[in-house]
Amino acid sequence: MKRFCLFLLLFAVISCDKFGENPVYGPVYLRLDLLNRDKILQVAPSYKTYLYSRPGVDYQPQQNERIGLGGLLVVHTAVNGYRAFDLACPNEQNPNPNTTVEVDKDGINAVCPKCGTVYEIWHGTGMALEGKKYGLRSYSITISGNSGIVSN
């Protein structure tokens, strides 16, 4: 019996090591202003993306703000409140800021244009829907009144 338990423990360790940790990581600190800049997020369901690639269109950085590896996707779900995800696709061989997921026209899923992985965002899980290894990297989000902070 001890050998069997040891075998199960060893198997569990090897299996967990196989998946490893989500490879996407970038510093995140974003202030949300739900009355002005981010007012679209007041109503559920809604989402907003923050990308460095188009300053002034999607995102104008404020002092000390960081938006992860590929940018941020902030979602206000009807069920789970607010959620924040890194836009860099974690299932790419080398996740980078140039390969970012895009929200579909219905705002239900996000899709990587390069590998085709579909991620669920409507309910705020960020899970890969097609059996891929990783879901979107999520970051903590705190809402207080008409403002919020996204951070890691």
Protein backbone atom coordinates (compact mmCIF):
# COMPACT_ATOMS: atom_id res chain seq x y z
CA MET A 1 0.00 0.00 0.00
CA LYS A 2 2.86 2.39 0.81
CA ARG A 3 4.42 1.72 -2.60
CA PHE A 4 1.11 2.42 -4.30
CA CYS A 5 0.72 5.74 -2.43
CA LEU A 6 4.31 6.67 -3.27
CA PHE A 7 3.66 5.84 -6.92
CA LEU A 8 0.54 8.05 -6.96
CA LEU A 9 2.43 10.92 -5.33
CA LEU A 10 5.29 10.62 -7.83
CA PHE A 11 2.82 10.48 -10.72
CA ALA A 12 1.03 13.59 -9.45
CA VAL A 13 4.29 15.52 -9.18
CA ILE A 14 5.37 14.52 -12.68
CA SER A 15 1.93 15.37 -14.13
CA CYS A 16 1.84 18.81 -12.51
CA ASP A 17 5.35 19.55 -13.72
CA LYS A 18 4.26 18.74 -17.27
CA PHE A 19 1.90 21.70 -17.39
CA GLY A 20 4.11 24.18 -15.52
CA GLU A 21 3.15 27.77 -14.88
CA ASN A 22 1.53 30.10 -17.34
CA PRO A 23 4.47 31.67 -19.27
CA VAL A 24 2.89 35.11 -19.63
CA TYR A 25 4.04 37.65 -17.10
CA GLY A 26 4.46 41.40 -17.11
CA PRO A 27 4.26 44.13 -14.47
CA VAL A 28 0.71 45.42 -14.04
CA TYR A 29 -0.58 48.53 -12.34
CA LEU A 30 -3.54 50.25 -13.95
CA ARG A 31 -5.90 52.76 -12.37
CA LEU A 32 -9.49 52.62 -13.62
CA ASP A 33 -11.62 55.75 -13.74
CA LEU A 34 -15.19 54.53 -14.19
CA LEU A 35 -16.59 58.05 -14.46
CA ASN A 36 -14.38 59.27 -17.31
CA ARG A 37 -11.66 57.36 -19.14
CA ASP A 38 -13.13 53.90 -18.46
CA LYS A 39 -16.85 54.71 -18.26
CA ILE A 40 -17.66 51.97 -20.81
CA LEU A 41 -16.94 49.47 -18.00
CA GLN A 42 -19.77 50.78 -15.80
CA VAL A 43 -22.38 48.64 -17.56
CA ALA A 44 -22.28 44.85 -17.54
CA PRO A 45 -21.45 43.11 -19.77
CA SER A 46 -18.69 45.23 -21.27
CA TYR A 47 -14.94 45.17 -21.89
CA LYS A 48 -12.07 47.50 -22.68
CA THR A 49 -8.60 46.79 -24.01
CA TYR A 50 -5.46 48.71 -23.08
CA LEU A 51 -2.66 48.46 -25.65
CA TYR A 52 0.63 50.30 -25.97
CA SER A 53 0.54 49.91 -29.74
CA ARG A 54 -2.06 52.62 -30.28
CA PRO A 55 -1.52 55.36 -27.66
CA GLY A 56 -4.33 57.84 -27.57
CA VAL A 57 -6.74 55.41 -29.22
CA ASP A 58 -6.93 52.46 -26.83
CA TYR A 59 -4.80 53.61 -23.96
CA GLN A 60 -3.00 56.72 -22.87
CA PRO A 61 -0.62 55.68 -20.06
CA GLN A 62 -0.73 57.60 -16.83
CA GLN A 63 2.25 57.98 -14.48
CA ASN A 64 3.63 54.65 -13.19
CA GLU A 65 1.05 52.55 -15.05
CA ARG A 66 2.06 49.19 -16.53
CA ILE A 67 -0.22 46.95 -18.59
CA GLY A 68 1.44 43.53 -18.58
CA LEU A 69 3.21 41.75 -21.43
CA GLY A 70 0.70 42.18 -24.26
CA GLY A 71 -1.68 44.78 -22.87
CA LEU A 72 -4.75 44.35 -20.69
CA LEU A 73 -8.31 43.25 -21.23
CA VAL A 74 -10.68 44.38 -18.46
CA VAL A 75 -14.08 42.72 -18.52
CA HIS A 76 -17.20 43.64 -16.54
CA THR A 77 -19.23 40.43 -16.55
CA ALA A 78 -22.89 40.16 -15.64
CA VAL A 79 -22.12 37.20 -13.37
CA ASN A 80 -18.63 37.49 -11.86
CA GLY A 81 -18.02 41.23 -11.59
CA TYR A 82 -14.75 42.63 -12.95
CA ARG A 83 -11.91 40.51 -14.37
CA ALA A 84 -8.57 41.51 -15.92
CA PHE A 85 -6.44 39.46 -18.34
CA ASP A 86 -3.14 39.88 -20.16
CA LEU A 87 -3.70 40.07 -23.91
CA ALA A 88 -0.52 38.10 -24.73
CA CYS A 89 -1.40 34.59 -25.94
CA PRO A 90 0.05 32.09 -23.42
CA ASN A 91 -0.12 29.17 -25.86
CA GLU A 92 2.36 30.62 -28.32
CA GLN A 93 5.80 29.01 -28.27
CA ASN A 94 7.35 32.27 -27.04
CA PRO A 95 4.64 34.57 -25.63
CA ASN A 96 5.39 38.16 -26.58
CA PRO A 97 3.72 41.57 -26.82
CA ASN A 98 3.33 41.26 -30.61
CA THR A 99 0.97 38.24 -30.48
CA THR A 100 -2.13 39.40 -28.66
CA VAL A 101 -5.61 37.97 -28.47
CA GLU A 102 -8.52 39.93 -29.90
CA VAL A 103 -12.08 40.04 -28.60
CA ASP A 104 -14.60 38.64 -31.08
CA LYS A 105 -17.37 40.83 -32.51
CA ASP A 106 -19.88 39.52 -29.94
CA GLY A 107 -17.61 40.20 -26.94
CA ILE A 108 -18.01 36.60 -25.74
CA ASN A 109 -14.58 35.14 -26.53
CA ALA A 110 -11.05 36.30 -27.23
CA VAL A 111 -9.14 34.64 -30.06
CA CYS A 112 -5.43 34.44 -30.86
CA PRO A 113 -5.07 35.36 -34.55
CA LYS A 114 -1.83 33.38 -34.82
CA CYS A 115 -2.57 29.99 -33.19
CA GLY A 116 -6.38 30.19 -33.23
CA THR A 117 -6.86 29.46 -29.52
CA VAL A 118 -10.26 30.64 -28.27
CA TYR A 119 -10.57 31.95 -24.70
CA GLU A 120 -13.83 32.44 -22.76
CA ILE A 121 -14.22 35.98 -21.40
CA TRP A 122 -18.04 36.42 -21.17
CA HIS A 123 -18.12 34.81 -17.70
CA GLY A 124 -14.65 36.09 -16.76
CA THR A 125 -12.78 32.77 -16.66
CA GLY A 126 -10.20 33.35 -19.42
CA MET A 127 -10.09 29.56 -19.95
CA ALA A 128 -8.89 28.12 -23.25
CA LEU A 129 -11.92 26.45 -24.84
CA GLU A 130 -10.09 24.10 -27.18
CA GLY A 131 -8.06 21.99 -24.75
CA LYS A 132 -4.93 24.14 -24.94
CA LYS A 133 -2.46 24.13 -22.10
CA TYR A 134 -3.02 27.60 -20.66
CA GLY A 135 -5.83 30.08 -20.15
CA LEU A 136 -5.25 33.82 -20.22
CA ARG A 137 -3.07 35.21 -17.42
CA SER A 138 -5.38 36.93 -14.96
CA TYR A 139 -4.55 39.82 -12.68
CA SER A 140 -6.19 41.02 -9.49
CA ILE A 141 -8.69 43.83 -9.76
CA THR A 142 -10.22 45.87 -6.95
CA ILE A 143 -13.15 48.21 -7.51
CA SER A 144 -14.10 50.86 -4.97
CA GLY A 145 -16.86 53.27 -5.90
CA ASN A 146 -16.04 54.82 -9.28
CA SER A 147 -12.40 53.78 -9.40
CA GLY A 148 -10.39 50.61 -9.45
CA ILE A 149 -6.89 49.16 -9.50
CA VAL A 150 -5.61 46.29 -11.64
CA SER A 151 -2.34 44.86 -10.32
CA ASN A 152 -0.15 41.82 -9.84
